[in-house]
All heavy atoms as atom14 arrays in JSON, in Angstrom:
{
  "sequence": "GGDPMKTGFQSLKLAIAGFIVPYLFVYNPTMLMIDPTGLAANAKEFPM",
  "atom14_mask": [
    [1, 1, 1, 1, 0, 0, 0, 0, 0, 0, 0, 0, 0, 0],
    [1, 1, 1, 1, 0, 0, 0, 0, 0, 0, 0, 0, 0, 0],
    [1, 1, 1, 1, 1, 1, 1, 1, 0, 0, 0, 0, 0, 0],
    [1, 1, 1, 1, 1, 1, 1, 0, 0, 0, 0, 0, 0, 0],
    [1, 1, 1, 1, 1, 1, 1, 1, 0, 0, 0, 0, 0, 0],
    [1, 1, 1, 1, 1, 1, 1, 1, 1, 0, 0, 0, 0, 0],
    [1, 1, 1, 1, 1, 1, 1, 0, 0, 0, 0, 0, 0, 0],
    [1, 1, 1, 1, 0, 0, 0, 0, 0, 0, 0, 0, 0, 0],
    [1, 1, 1, 1, 1, 1, 1, 1, 1, 1, 1, 0, 0, 0],
    [1, 1, 1, 1, 1, 1, 1, 1, 1, 0, 0, 0, 0, 0],
    [1, 1, 1, 1, 1, 1, 0, 0, 0, 0, 0, 0, 0, 0],
    [1, 1, 1, 1, 1, 1, 1, 1, 0, 0, 0, 0, 0, 0],
    [1, 1, 1, 1, 1, 1, 1, 1, 1, 0, 0, 0, 0, 0],
    [1, 1, 1, 1, 1, 1, 1, 1, 0, 0, 0, 0, 0, 0],
    [1, 1, 1, 1, 1, 0, 0, 0, 0, 0, 0, 0, 0, 0],
    [1, 1, 1, 1, 1, 1, 1, 1, 0, 0, 0, 0, 0, 0],
    [1, 1, 1, 1, 1, 0, 0, 0, 0, 0, 0, 0, 0, 0],
    [1, 1, 1, 1, 0, 0, 0, 0, 0, 0, 0, 0, 0, 0],
    [1, 1, 1, 1, 1, 1, 1, 1, 1, 1, 1, 0, 0, 0],
    [1, 1, 1, 1, 1, 1, 1, 1, 0, 0, 0, 0, 0, 0],
    [1, 1, 1, 1, 1, 1, 1, 0, 0, 0, 0, 0, 0, 0],
    [1, 1, 1, 1, 1, 1, 1, 0, 0, 0, 0, 0, 0, 0],
    [1, 1, 1, 1, 1, 1, 1, 1, 1, 1, 1, 1, 0, 0],
    [1, 1, 1, 1, 1, 1, 1, 1, 0, 0, 0, 0, 0, 0],
    [1, 1, 1, 1, 1, 1, 1, 1, 1, 1, 1, 0, 0, 0],
    [1, 1, 1, 1, 1, 1, 1, 0, 0, 0, 0, 0, 0, 0],
    [1, 1, 1, 1, 1, 1, 1, 1, 1, 1, 1, 1, 0, 0],
    [1, 1, 1, 1, 1, 1, 1, 1, 0, 0, 0, 0, 0, 0],
    [1, 1, 1, 1, 1, 1, 1, 0, 0, 0, 0, 0, 0, 0],
    [1, 1, 1, 1, 1, 1, 1, 0, 0, 0, 0, 0, 0, 0],
    [1, 1, 1, 1, 1, 1, 1, 1, 0, 0, 0, 0, 0, 0],
    [1, 1, 1, 1, 1, 1, 1, 1, 0, 0, 0, 0, 0, 0],
    [1, 1, 1, 1, 1, 1, 1, 1, 0, 0, 0, 0, 0, 0],
    [1, 1, 1, 1, 1, 1, 1, 1, 0, 0, 0, 0, 0, 0],
    [1, 1, 1, 1, 1, 1, 1, 1, 0, 0, 0, 0, 0, 0],
    [1, 1, 1, 1, 1, 1, 1, 0, 0, 0, 0, 0, 0, 0],
    [1, 1, 1, 1, 1, 1, 1, 0, 0, 0, 0, 0, 0, 0],
    [1, 1, 1, 1, 0, 0, 0, 0, 0, 0, 0, 0, 0, 0],
    [1, 1, 1, 1, 1, 1, 1, 1, 0, 0, 0, 0, 0, 0],
    [1, 1, 1, 1, 1, 0, 0, 0, 0, 0, 0, 0, 0, 0],
    [1, 1, 1, 1, 1, 0, 0, 0, 0, 0, 0, 0, 0, 0],
    [1, 1, 1, 1, 1, 1, 1, 1, 0, 0, 0, 0, 0, 0],
    [1, 1, 1, 1, 1, 0, 0, 0, 0, 0, 0, 0, 0, 0],
    [1, 1, 1, 1, 1, 1, 1, 1, 1, 0, 0, 0, 0, 0],
    [1, 1, 1, 1, 1, 1, 1, 1, 1, 0, 0, 0, 0, 0],
    [1, 1, 1, 1, 1, 1, 1, 1, 1, 1, 1, 0, 0, 0],
    [1, 1, 1, 1, 1, 1, 1, 0, 0, 0, 0, 0, 0, 0],
    [1, 1, 1, 1, 1, 1, 1, 1, 0, 0, 0, 0, 0, 0]
  ],
  "atom14_positions": [
    [[21.29, 20.45, -6.47], [22.18, 20.67, -7.6], [22.47, 19.39, -8.35], [23.49, 19.28, -9.04], [0.0, 0.0, 0.0], [0.0, 0.0, 0.0], [0.0, 0.0, 0.0], [0.0, 0.0, 0.0], [0.0, 0.0, 0.0], [0.0, 0.0, 0.0], [0.0, 0.0, 0.0], [0.0, 0.0, 0.0], [0.0, 0.0, 0.0], [0.0, 0.0, 0.0]],
    [[21.57, 18.41, -8.25], [21.78, 17.12, -8.89], [21.02, 17.0, -10.2], [20.28, 17.89, -10.61], [0.0, 0.0, 0.0], [0.0, 0.0, 0.0], [0.0, 0.0, 0.0], [0.0, 0.0, 0.0], [0.0, 0.0, 0.0], [0.0, 0.0, 0.0], [0.0, 0.0, 0.0], [0.0, 0.0, 0.0], [0.0, 0.0, 0.0], [0.0, 0.0, 0.0]],
    [[21.19, 15.86, -10.87], [20.5, 15.57, -12.11], [19.04, 15.19, -11.81], [18.8, 14.27, -11.03], [21.19, 14.42, -12.85], [20.5, 14.09, -14.15], [20.85, 14.71, -15.17], [19.61, 13.22, -14.14], [0.0, 0.0, 0.0], [0.0, 0.0, 0.0], [0.0, 0.0, 0.0], [0.0, 0.0, 0.0], [0.0, 0.0, 0.0], [0.0, 0.0, 0.0]],
    [[18.05, 15.87, -12.41], [16.65, 15.62, -12.07], [16.2, 14.17, -12.3], [15.55, 13.57, -11.45], [15.88, 16.59, -12.98], [16.84, 17.7, -13.25], [18.18, 17.03, -13.31], [0.0, 0.0, 0.0], [0.0, 0.0, 0.0], [0.0, 0.0, 0.0], [0.0, 0.0, 0.0], [0.0, 0.0, 0.0], [0.0, 0.0, 0.0], [0.0, 0.0, 0.0]],
    [[16.54, 13.59, -13.46], [16.09, 12.24, -13.76], [16.76, 11.21, -12.85], [16.11, 10.28, -12.37], [16.35, 11.9, -15.23], [15.48, 12.68, -16.2], [13.7, 12.48, -15.9], [13.47, 10.78, -16.38], [0.0, 0.0, 0.0], [0.0, 0.0, 0.0], [0.0, 0.0, 0.0], [0.0, 0.0, 0.0], [0.0, 0.0, 0.0], [0.0, 0.0, 0.0]],
    [[18.05, 11.39, -12.59], [18.73, 10.47, -11.68], [18.14, 10.56, -10.28], [17.98, 9.55, -9.58], [20.23, 10.79, -11.63], [21.0, 10.39, -12.88], [22.48, 10.73, -12.75], [23.25, 10.34, -14.0], [24.69, 10.71, -13.9], [0.0, 0.0, 0.0], [0.0, 0.0, 0.0], [0.0, 0.0, 0.0], [0.0, 0.0, 0.0], [0.0, 0.0, 0.0]],
    [[17.79, 11.79, -9.87], [17.16, 11.97, -8.56], [15.8, 11.3, -8.54], [15.4, 10.68, -7.54], [17.0, 13.48, -8.25], [18.28, 14.1, -8.33], [16.42, 13.69, -6.86], [0.0, 0.0, 0.0], [0.0, 0.0, 0.0], [0.0, 0.0, 0.0], [0.0, 0.0, 0.0], [0.0, 0.0, 0.0], [0.0, 0.0, 0.0], [0.0, 0.0, 0.0]],
    [[15.05, 11.39, -9.65], [13.74, 10.74, -9.73], [13.84, 9.23, -9.59], [13.08, 8.62, -8.84], [0.0, 0.0, 0.0], [0.0, 0.0, 0.0], [0.0, 0.0, 0.0], [0.0, 0.0, 0.0], [0.0, 0.0, 0.0], [0.0, 0.0, 0.0], [0.0, 0.0, 0.0], [0.0, 0.0, 0.0], [0.0, 0.0, 0.0], [0.0, 0.0, 0.0]],
    [[14.79, 8.63, -10.29], [14.94, 7.17, -10.2], [15.46, 6.74, -8.83], [15.1, 5.69, -8.31], [15.85, 6.66, -11.32], [15.17, 6.6, -12.66], [15.53, 7.47, -13.68], [14.14, 5.7, -12.89], [14.88, 7.44, -14.91], [13.49, 5.65, -14.11], [13.86, 6.53, -15.13], [0.0, 0.0, 0.0], [0.0, 0.0, 0.0], [0.0, 0.0, 0.0]],
    [[16.29, 7.58, -8.21], [16.76, 7.28, -6.86], [15.59, 7.38, -5.87], [15.49, 6.57, -4.93], [17.87, 8.25, -6.45], [18.47, 7.97, -5.09], [19.13, 6.61, -5.0], [20.11, 6.33, -5.68], [18.59, 5.75, -4.16], [0.0, 0.0, 0.0], [0.0, 0.0, 0.0], [0.0, 0.0, 0.0], [0.0, 0.0, 0.0], [0.0, 0.0, 0.0]],
    [[14.7, 8.34, -6.07], [13.5, 8.46, -5.23], [12.63, 7.21, -5.36], [12.09, 6.7, -4.38], [12.68, 9.69, -5.63], [13.41, 10.87, -5.49], [0.0, 0.0, 0.0], [0.0, 0.0, 0.0], [0.0, 0.0, 0.0], [0.0, 0.0, 0.0], [0.0, 0.0, 0.0], [0.0, 0.0, 0.0], [0.0, 0.0, 0.0], [0.0, 0.0, 0.0]],
    [[12.52, 6.74, -6.59], [11.74, 5.53, -6.86], [12.31, 4.34, -6.09], [11.58, 3.52, -5.51], [11.77, 5.27, -8.36], [10.61, 4.51, -9.0], [9.32, 5.25, -8.81], [10.9, 4.34, -10.49], [0.0, 0.0, 0.0], [0.0, 0.0, 0.0], [0.0, 0.0, 0.0], [0.0, 0.0, 0.0], [0.0, 0.0, 0.0], [0.0, 0.0, 0.0]],
    [[13.62, 4.27, -6.08], [14.33, 3.19, -5.38], [14.1, 3.27, -3.87], [13.82, 2.27, -3.21], [15.82, 3.33, -5.7], [16.68, 2.15, -5.35], [18.07, 2.38, -5.95], [19.12, 1.64, -5.2], [20.47, 1.98, -5.68], [0.0, 0.0, 0.0], [0.0, 0.0, 0.0], [0.0, 0.0, 0.0], [0.0, 0.0, 0.0], [0.0, 0.0, 0.0]],
    [[14.18, 4.49, -3.33], [13.95, 4.68, -1.9], [12.52, 4.34, -1.5], [12.27, 3.89, -0.38], [14.26, 6.12, -1.5], [15.73, 6.51, -1.4], [15.89, 8.02, -1.38], [16.37, 5.9, -0.15], [0.0, 0.0, 0.0], [0.0, 0.0, 0.0], [0.0, 0.0, 0.0], [0.0, 0.0, 0.0], [0.0, 0.0, 0.0], [0.0, 0.0, 0.0]],
    [[11.59, 4.56, -2.41], [10.16, 4.37, -2.1], [9.67, 2.98, -2.48], [8.47, 2.75, -2.54], [9.34, 5.42, -2.84], [0.0, 0.0, 0.0], [0.0, 0.0, 0.0], [0.0, 0.0, 0.0], [0.0, 0.0, 0.0], [0.0, 0.0, 0.0], [0.0, 0.0, 0.0], [0.0, 0.0, 0.0], [0.0, 0.0, 0.0], [0.0, 0.0, 0.0]],
    [[10.58, 2.04, -2.69], [10.19, 0.73, -3.22], [9.14, 0.03, -2.37], [8.23, -0.62, -2.88], [11.44, -0.17, -3.42], [11.05, -1.44, -4.19], [12.1, -0.5, -2.08], [12.24, -2.24, -4.66], [0.0, 0.0, 0.0], [0.0, 0.0, 0.0], [0.0, 0.0, 0.0], [0.0, 0.0, 0.0], [0.0, 0.0, 0.0], [0.0, 0.0, 0.0]],
    [[9.22, 0.19, -1.04], [8.23, -0.44, -0.17], [6.83, 0.09, -0.46], [5.84, -0.66, -0.38], [8.59, -0.21, 1.3], [0.0, 0.0, 0.0], [0.0, 0.0, 0.0], [0.0, 0.0, 0.0], [0.0, 0.0, 0.0], [0.0, 0.0, 0.0], [0.0, 0.0, 0.0], [0.0, 0.0, 0.0], [0.0, 0.0, 0.0], [0.0, 0.0, 0.0]],
    [[6.74, 1.37, -0.81], [5.45, 1.98, -1.09], [4.78, 1.42, -2.34], [3.56, 1.53, -2.5], [0.0, 0.0, 0.0], [0.0, 0.0, 0.0], [0.0, 0.0, 0.0], [0.0, 0.0, 0.0], [0.0, 0.0, 0.0], [0.0, 0.0, 0.0], [0.0, 0.0, 0.0], [0.0, 0.0, 0.0], [0.0, 0.0, 0.0], [0.0, 0.0, 0.0]],
    [[5.56, 0.81, -3.23], [5.0, 0.24, -4.44], [4.61, -1.23, -4.26], [3.89, -1.78, -5.08], [6.0, 0.36, -5.6], [6.16, 1.77, -6.09], [7.06, 2.64, -5.5], [5.39, 2.24, -7.13], [7.2, 3.95, -5.93], [5.52, 3.55, -7.58], [6.42, 4.4, -6.98], [0.0, 0.0, 0.0], [0.0, 0.0, 0.0], [0.0, 0.0, 0.0]],
    [[5.09, -1.83, -3.19], [4.78, -3.24, -2.93], [3.63, -3.39, -1.95], [2.72, -4.2, -2.13], [6.03, -3.96, -2.38], [7.14, -3.96, -3.44], [5.71, -5.39, -1.95], [8.48, -4.45, -2.93], [0.0, 0.0, 0.0], [0.0, 0.0, 0.0], [0.0, 0.0, 0.0], [0.0, 0.0, 0.0], [0.0, 0.0, 0.0], [0.0, 0.0, 0.0]],
    [[3.65, -2.56, -0.9], [2.68, -2.68, 0.19], [1.22, -2.63, -0.28], [0.4, -3.42, 0.2], [2.95, -1.61, 1.27], [1.78, -1.48, 2.23], [4.22, -1.96, 2.04], [0.0, 0.0, 0.0], [0.0, 0.0, 0.0], [0.0, 0.0, 0.0], [0.0, 0.0, 0.0], [0.0, 0.0, 0.0], [0.0, 0.0, 0.0], [0.0, 0.0, 0.0]],
    [[0.83, -1.74, -1.22], [-0.59, -1.72, -1.63], [-1.1, -3.05, -2.17], [-2.25, -3.43, -1.93], [-0.62, -0.63, -2.71], [0.5, 0.28, -2.36], [1.57, -0.62, -1.84], [0.0, 0.0, 0.0], [0.0, 0.0, 0.0], [0.0, 0.0, 0.0], [0.0, 0.0, 0.0], [0.0, 0.0, 0.0], [0.0, 0.0, 0.0], [0.0, 0.0, 0.0]],
    [[-0.26, -3.77, -2.92], [-0.68, -5.08, -3.41], [-0.89, -6.04, -2.23], [-1.81, -6.87, -2.26], [0.39, -5.66, -4.35], [0.39, -5.02, -5.71], [1.19, -3.92, -5.98], [-0.41, -5.52, -6.74], [1.18, -3.32, -7.24], [-0.41, -4.93, -8.0], [0.39, -3.83, -8.24], [0.38, -3.25, -9.48], [0.0, 0.0, 0.0], [0.0, 0.0, 0.0]],
    [[-0.05, -5.9, -1.23], [-0.13, -6.82, -0.09], [-1.4, -6.61, 0.71], [-2.04, -7.57, 1.13], [1.1, -6.65, 0.8], [2.45, -6.82, 0.1], [3.59, -6.71, 1.09], [2.5, -8.18, -0.6], [0.0, 0.0, 0.0], [0.0, 0.0, 0.0], [0.0, 0.0, 0.0], [0.0, 0.0, 0.0], [0.0, 0.0, 0.0], [0.0, 0.0, 0.0]],
    [[-1.78, -5.33, 0.94], [-2.98, -5.16, 1.76], [-4.26, -5.46, 0.97], [-5.32, -5.65, 1.56], [-3.04, -3.81, 2.47], [-3.06, -2.56, 1.64], [-4.07, -2.31, 0.72], [-2.1, -1.58, 1.84], [-4.11, -1.14, 0.0], [-2.12, -0.38, 1.11], [-3.14, -0.17, 0.19], [0.0, 0.0, 0.0], [0.0, 0.0, 0.0], [0.0, 0.0, 0.0]],
    [[-4.17, -5.52, -0.36], [-5.33, -5.99, -1.12], [-5.53, -7.48, -0.89], [-6.65, -7.95, -0.65], [-5.16, -5.7, -2.63], [-6.23, -6.43, -3.44], [-5.25, -4.2, -2.9], [0.0, 0.0, 0.0], [0.0, 0.0, 0.0], [0.0, 0.0, 0.0], [0.0, 0.0, 0.0], [0.0, 0.0, 0.0], [0.0, 0.0, 0.0], [0.0, 0.0, 0.0]],
    [[-4.43, -8.23, -0.92], [-4.53, -9.68, -0.74], [-4.67, -10.09, 0.72], [-5.21, -11.15, 1.02], [-3.29, -10.36, -1.36], [-3.33, -10.41, -2.86], [-2.62, -9.47, -3.61], [-4.09, -11.35, -3.53], [-2.66, -9.49, -5.01], [-4.13, -11.39, -4.93], [-3.42, -10.46, -5.65], [-3.47, -10.48, -7.03], [0.0, 0.0, 0.0], [0.0, 0.0, 0.0]],
    [[-4.2, -9.24, 1.63], [-4.35, -9.52, 3.06], [-4.65, -8.23, 3.81], [-3.75, -7.54, 4.28], [-3.08, -10.17, 3.61], [-3.25, -10.62, 5.05], [-4.29, -10.38, 5.67], [-2.24, -11.28, 5.6], [0.0, 0.0, 0.0], [0.0, 0.0, 0.0], [0.0, 0.0, 0.0], [0.0, 0.0, 0.0], [0.0, 0.0, 0.0], [0.0, 0.0, 0.0]],
    [[-5.94, -7.89, 3.96], [-6.32, -6.62, 4.61], [-5.93, -6.53, 6.08], [-6.1, -5.46, 6.68], [-7.85, -6.59, 4.44], [-8.14, -7.49, 3.3], [-7.1, -8.58, 3.39], [0.0, 0.0, 0.0], [0.0, 0.0, 0.0], [0.0, 0.0, 0.0], [0.0, 0.0, 0.0], [0.0, 0.0, 0.0], [0.0, 0.0, 0.0], [0.0, 0.0, 0.0]],
    [[-5.4, -7.62, 6.66], [-4.93, -7.54, 8.05], [-3.9, -6.43, 8.21], [-3.79, -5.81, 9.27], [-4.31, -8.89, 8.49], [-5.32, -9.9, 8.4], [-3.8, -8.84, 9.92], [0.0, 0.0, 0.0], [0.0, 0.0, 0.0], [0.0, 0.0, 0.0], [0.0, 0.0, 0.0], [0.0, 0.0, 0.0], [0.0, 0.0, 0.0], [0.0, 0.0, 0.0]],
    [[-3.14, -6.16, 7.14], [-2.14, -5.1, 7.18], [-2.79, -3.74, 7.44], [-2.15, -2.83, 7.96], [-1.36, -5.08, 5.87], [-0.18, -4.13, 5.86], [0.83, -4.3, 4.36], [1.77, -5.76, 4.77], [0.0, 0.0, 0.0], [0.0, 0.0, 0.0], [0.0, 0.0, 0.0], [0.0, 0.0, 0.0], [0.0, 0.0, 0.0], [0.0, 0.0, 0.0]],
    [[-4.08, -3.61, 7.07], [-4.82, -2.37, 7.33], [-5.56, -2.44, 8.66], [-6.34, -1.53, 8.98], [-5.81, -2.11, 6.19], [-5.24, -1.95, 4.79], [-6.36, -1.68, 3.79], [-4.21, -0.84, 4.74], [0.0, 0.0, 0.0], [0.0, 0.0, 0.0], [0.0, 0.0, 0.0], [0.0, 0.0, 0.0], [0.0, 0.0, 0.0], [0.0, 0.0, 0.0]],
    [[-5.32, -3.5, 9.4], [-5.96, -3.72, 10.7], [-7.48, -3.74, 10.59], [-8.2, -3.19, 11.42], [-5.47, -2.7, 11.73], [-4.04, -2.96, 12.16], [-3.43, -1.92, 13.49], [-2.81, -0.53, 12.57], [0.0, 0.0, 0.0], [0.0, 0.0, 0.0], [0.0, 0.0, 0.0], [0.0, 0.0, 0.0], [0.0, 0.0, 0.0], [0.0, 0.0, 0.0]],
    [[-7.96, -4.38, 9.52], [-9.4, -4.62, 9.37], [-9.6, -6.09, 9.01], [-8.7, -6.74, 8.47], [-10.02, -3.74, 8.27], [-9.4, -4.04, 6.89], [-9.88, -2.26, 8.61], [-10.1, -3.36, 5.73], [0.0, 0.0, 0.0], [0.0, 0.0, 0.0], [0.0, 0.0, 0.0], [0.0, 0.0, 0.0], [0.0, 0.0, 0.0], [0.0, 0.0, 0.0]],
    [[-10.79, -6.61, 9.33], [-11.14, -7.98, 8.98], [-12.45, -7.96, 8.19], [-13.54, -7.92, 8.77], [-11.32, -8.83, 10.25], [-11.61, -10.29, 9.92], [-11.61, -10.64, 8.73], [-11.85, -11.07, 10.87], [0.0, 0.0, 0.0], [0.0, 0.0, 0.0], [0.0, 0.0, 0.0], [0.0, 0.0, 0.0], [0.0, 0.0, 0.0], [0.0, 0.0, 0.0]],
    [[-12.35, -7.93, 6.85], [-13.57, -7.82, 6.03], [-14.26, -9.15, 5.76], [-15.19, -9.21, 4.95], [-13.02, -7.21, 4.74], [-11.64, -7.76, 4.63], [-11.14, -7.94, 6.03], [0.0, 0.0, 0.0], [0.0, 0.0, 0.0], [0.0, 0.0, 0.0], [0.0, 0.0, 0.0], [0.0, 0.0, 0.0], [0.0, 0.0, 0.0], [0.0, 0.0, 0.0]],
    [[-13.82, -10.23, 6.41], [-14.37, -11.56, 6.15], [-15.88, -11.56, 6.34], [-16.4, -11.17, 7.38], [-13.74, -12.6, 7.1], [-12.32, -12.52, 7.0], [-14.21, -14.0, 6.74], [0.0, 0.0, 0.0], [0.0, 0.0, 0.0], [0.0, 0.0, 0.0], [0.0, 0.0, 0.0], [0.0, 0.0, 0.0], [0.0, 0.0, 0.0], [0.0, 0.0, 0.0]],
    [[-16.58, -12.02, 5.3], [-18.03, -12.13, 5.38], [-18.78, -10.83, 5.18], [-20.02, -10.81, 5.21], [0.0, 0.0, 0.0], [0.0, 0.0, 0.0], [0.0, 0.0, 0.0], [0.0, 0.0, 0.0], [0.0, 0.0, 0.0], [0.0, 0.0, 0.0], [0.0, 0.0, 0.0], [0.0, 0.0, 0.0], [0.0, 0.0, 0.0], [0.0, 0.0, 0.0]],
    [[-18.07, -9.71, 4.97], [-18.72, -8.41, 4.8], [-18.85, -8.06, 3.32], [-18.08, -8.54, 2.48], [-17.92, -7.31, 5.5], [-17.74, -7.45, 7.01], [-16.85, -6.31, 7.54], [-19.08, -7.44, 7.73], [0.0, 0.0, 0.0], [0.0, 0.0, 0.0], [0.0, 0.0, 0.0], [0.0, 0.0, 0.0], [0.0, 0.0, 0.0], [0.0, 0.0, 0.0]],
    [[-19.83, -7.23, 3.01], [-20.01, -6.78, 1.62], [-18.87, -5.86, 1.22], [-18.21, -5.25, 2.07], [-21.35, -6.06, 1.49], [0.0, 0.0, 0.0], [0.0, 0.0, 0.0], [0.0, 0.0, 0.0], [0.0, 0.0, 0.0], [0.0, 0.0, 0.0], [0.0, 0.0, 0.0], [0.0, 0.0, 0.0], [0.0, 0.0, 0.0], [0.0, 0.0, 0.0]],
    [[-18.65, -5.73, -0.1], [-17.55, -4.88, -0.59], [-17.75, -3.42, -0.21], [-16.78, -2.69, -0.06], [-17.43, -5.02, -2.11], [0.0, 0.0, 0.0], [0.0, 0.0, 0.0], [0.0, 0.0, 0.0], [0.0, 0.0, 0.0], [0.0, 0.0, 0.0], [0.0, 0.0, 0.0], [0.0, 0.0, 0.0], [0.0, 0.0, 0.0], [0.0, 0.0, 0.0]],
    [[-19.0, -3.0, -0.04], [-19.27, -1.61, 0.32], [-19.43, -1.39, 1.82], [-20.02, -0.39, 2.25], [-20.52, -1.1, -0.41], [-21.77, -1.88, -0.03], [-21.69, -2.9, 0.65], [-22.91, -1.4, -0.49], [0.0, 0.0, 0.0], [0.0, 0.0, 0.0], [0.0, 0.0, 0.0], [0.0, 0.0, 0.0], [0.0, 0.0, 0.0], [0.0, 0.0, 0.0]],
    [[-18.9, -2.3, 2.62], [-18.99, -2.18, 4.08], [-18.29, -0.91, 4.55], [-17.26, -0.51, 4.0], [-18.36, -3.4, 4.74], [0.0, 0.0, 0.0], [0.0, 0.0, 0.0], [0.0, 0.0, 0.0], [0.0, 0.0, 0.0], [0.0, 0.0, 0.0], [0.0, 0.0, 0.0], [0.0, 0.0, 0.0], [0.0, 0.0, 0.0], [0.0, 0.0, 0.0]],
    [[-18.85, -0.28, 5.57], [-18.31, 0.98, 6.1], [-17.6, 0.78, 7.44], [-16.79, 1.6, 7.85], [-19.44, 2.01, 6.31], [-20.29, 2.28, 5.07], [-19.5, 2.94, 3.98], [-20.39, 3.41, 2.82], [-21.0, 2.29, 2.06], [0.0, 0.0, 0.0], [0.0, 0.0, 0.0], [0.0, 0.0, 0.0], [0.0, 0.0, 0.0], [0.0, 0.0, 0.0]],
    [[-17.91, -0.32, 8.13], [-17.29, -0.6, 9.42], [-16.7, -2.01, 9.38], [-17.26, -2.91, 8.75], [-18.32, -0.49, 10.54], [-18.88, 0.92, 10.71], [-19.89, 1.0, 11.84], [-20.21, -0.06, 12.43], [-20.37, 2.11, 12.13], [0.0, 0.0, 0.0], [0.0, 0.0, 0.0], [0.0, 0.0, 0.0], [0.0, 0.0, 0.0], [0.0, 0.0, 0.0]],
    [[-15.57, -2.18, 10.08], [-14.87, -3.45, 10.05], [-14.43, -3.83, 11.46], [-13.95, -2.97, 12.21], [-13.62, -3.37, 9.16], [-13.89, -2.89, 7.77], [-13.86, -1.53, 7.46], [-14.18, -3.78, 6.76], [-14.12, -1.07, 6.19], [-14.44, -3.34, 5.46], [-14.41, -1.98, 5.17], [0.0, 0.0, 0.0], [0.0, 0.0, 0.0], [0.0, 0.0, 0.0]],
    [[-14.54, -5.12, 11.8], [-13.96, -5.55, 13.08], [-12.44, -5.62, 12.96], [-11.89, -5.72, 11.85], [-14.56, -6.94, 13.28], [-14.87, -7.43, 11.89], [-15.23, -6.21, 11.09], [0.0, 0.0, 0.0], [0.0, 0.0, 0.0], [0.0, 0.0, 0.0], [0.0, 0.0, 0.0], [0.0, 0.0, 0.0], [0.0, 0.0, 0.0], [0.0, 0.0, 0.0]],
    [[-11.76, -5.57, 14.11], [-10.3, -5.74, 14.12], [-9.97, -7.21, 13.92], [-10.65, -8.09, 14.46], [-9.73, -5.26, 15.45], [-9.74, -3.76, 15.63], [-8.38, -2.93, 14.77], [-7.0, -3.37, 15.82], [0.0, 0.0, 0.0], [0.0, 0.0, 0.0], [0.0, 0.0, 0.0], [0.0, 0.0, 0.0], [0.0, 0.0, 0.0], [0.0, 0.0, 0.0]]
  ]
}
């Protein structure tokens, strides 16, 4: 029974980590528990 737009912006606020984390795992794939060092961009398997 709340205001839709206010609820949307509050949802955005609650999900703030979800908007930051993707940038972080691009710059440091360790967050994805993969080590792509020395591998091609189209690699299918990754060491831990």
